C-alpha atoms as a PDB file:
ATOM      1  CA  UNK A   1      23.482  95.477  84.998  1.00  0.00           C
ATOM      2  CA  UNK A   2      19.744  95.603  85.656  1.00  0.00           C
ATOM      3  CA  UNK A   3      19.263  98.836  84.842  1.00  0.00           C
ATOM      4  CA  UNK A   4      21.773  98.115  81.477  1.00  0.00           C
ATOM      5  CA  UNK A   5      19.181  95.368  79.633  1.00  0.00           C
ATOM      6  CA  UNK A   6      15.746  97.395  81.030  1.00  0.00           C
ATOM      7  CA  UNK A   7      17.403 100.472  78.763  1.00  0.00           C
ATOM      8  CA  UNK A   8      18.677  97.432  75.897  1.00  0.00           C
ATOM      9  CA  UNK A   9      14.796  95.813  76.223  1.00  0.00           C
ATOM     10  CA  UNK A  10      14.265  99.103  76.055  1.00  0.00           C
ATOM     11  CA  UNK A  11      15.420  99.788  72.662  1.00  0.00           C
ATOM     12  CA  UNK A  12      15.281  96.548  70.579  1.00  0.00           C
ATOM     13  CA  UNK A  13      11.335  97.246  71.558  1.00  0.00           C
ATOM     14  CA  UNK A  14      11.445 100.440  69.552  1.00  0.00           C
ATOM     15  CA  UNK A  15      12.843  99.115  67.101  1.00  0.00           C
ATOM     16  CA  UNK A  16      11.245  96.197  67.067  1.00  0.00           C
ATOM     17  CA  UNK A  17       7.162  96.850  68.265  1.00  0.00           C
ATOM     18  CA  UNK A  18       5.269  99.150  67.665  1.00  0.00           C
ATOM     19  CA  UNK A  19       6.122 102.969  69.294  1.00  0.00           C
ATOM     20  CA  UNK A  20       3.399 102.847  72.274  1.00  0.00           C
ATOM     21  CA  UNK A  21       5.902  99.130  73.708  1.00  0.00           C
ATOM     22  CA  UNK A  22       8.768 101.484  73.299  1.00  0.00           C
ATOM     23  CA  UNK A  23       7.541 104.088  75.400  1.00  0.00           C
ATOM     24  CA  UNK A  24       6.546 101.482  77.962  1.00  0.00           C
ATOM     25  CA  UNK A  25       9.863  99.791  78.546  1.00  0.00           C
ATOM     26  CA  UNK A  26      11.826 102.628  79.049  1.00  0.00           C
ATOM     27  CA  UNK A  27       9.754 103.951  81.841  1.00  0.00           C
ATOM     28  CA  UNK A  28       9.782 100.260  83.437  1.00  0.00           C
ATOM     29  CA  UNK A  29      13.745 101.228  82.782  1.00  0.00           C
ATOM     30  CA  UNK A  30      13.510 104.676  83.981  1.00  0.00           C
ATOM     31  CA  UNK A  31      10.693 103.260  87.389  1.00  0.00           C
ATOM     32  CA  UNK A  32      13.585 100.480  88.006  1.00  0.00           C
ATOM     33  CA  UNK A  33      16.655 102.413  87.880  1.00  0.00           C
ATOM     34  CA  UNK A  34      15.429 104.973  90.363  1.00  0.00           C
ATOM     35  CA  UNK A  35      14.469 102.028  92.727  1.00  0.00           C
ATOM     36  CA  UNK A  36      18.218 100.766  92.454  1.00  0.00           C
ATOM     37  CA  UNK A  37      18.956 104.752  92.685  1.00  0.00           C
ATOM     38  CA  UNK A  38      17.102 104.264  96.623  1.00  0.00           C
ATOM     39  CA  UNK A  39      18.066 101.313  97.861  1.00  0.00           C
ATOM     40  CA  UNK A  40      21.464 102.044  96.943  1.00  0.00           C
ATOM     41  CA  UNK A  41      21.259 105.146  98.949  1.00  0.00           C
ATOM     42  CA  UNK A  42      19.319 103.583 101.654  1.00  0.00           C
ATOM     43  CA  UNK A  43      21.950 101.329 102.051  1.00  0.00           C
ATOM     44  CA  UNK A  44      24.439 103.736 101.984  1.00  0.00           C
ATOM     45  CA  UNK A  45      23.037 106.061 104.450  1.00  0.00           C
ATOM     46  CA  UNK A  46      22.964 102.938 107.242  1.00  0.00           C
ATOM     47  CA  UNK A  47      26.297 101.357 106.558  1.00  0.00           C
ATOM     48  CA  UNK A  48      27.684 103.645 107.762  1.00  0.00           C
ATOM     49  CA  UNK A  49      31.471 103.404 107.652  1.00  0.00           C
ATOM     50  CA  UNK A  50      33.349 102.690 112.108  1.00  0.00           C
ATOM     51  CA  UNK A  51      34.972 104.744 114.362  1.00  0.00           C
ATOM     52  CA  UNK A  52      37.839 105.408 115.127  1.00  0.00           C
ATOM     53  CA  UNK A  53      39.584 102.653 116.660  1.00  0.00           C
ATOM     54  CA  UNK A  54      42.283 104.446 119.748  1.00  0.00           C
ATOM     55  CA  UNK A  55      45.752 103.995 118.488  1.00  0.00           C
ATOM     56  CA  UNK A  56      45.433 103.390 115.218  1.00  0.00           C
ATOM     57  CA  UNK A  57      46.925 105.406 112.945  1.00  0.00           C
ATOM     58  CA  UNK A  58      44.717 107.581 110.826  1.00  0.00           C
ATOM     59  CA  UNK A  59      43.127 108.597 113.802  1.00  0.00           C
END
């Protein structure tokens, strides 16, 4: 949601403001997206699924 809002801000800046402002907003949006992807990857790698339960049907 945050990433979408940042891209919308960059698009609006391109329409209503100077070109360098739009470029700056786009770079900030890309940076925020990269940070969000990195944090999501770190969370997924640190939260592994639990091991197999001894009497579970899928073991």
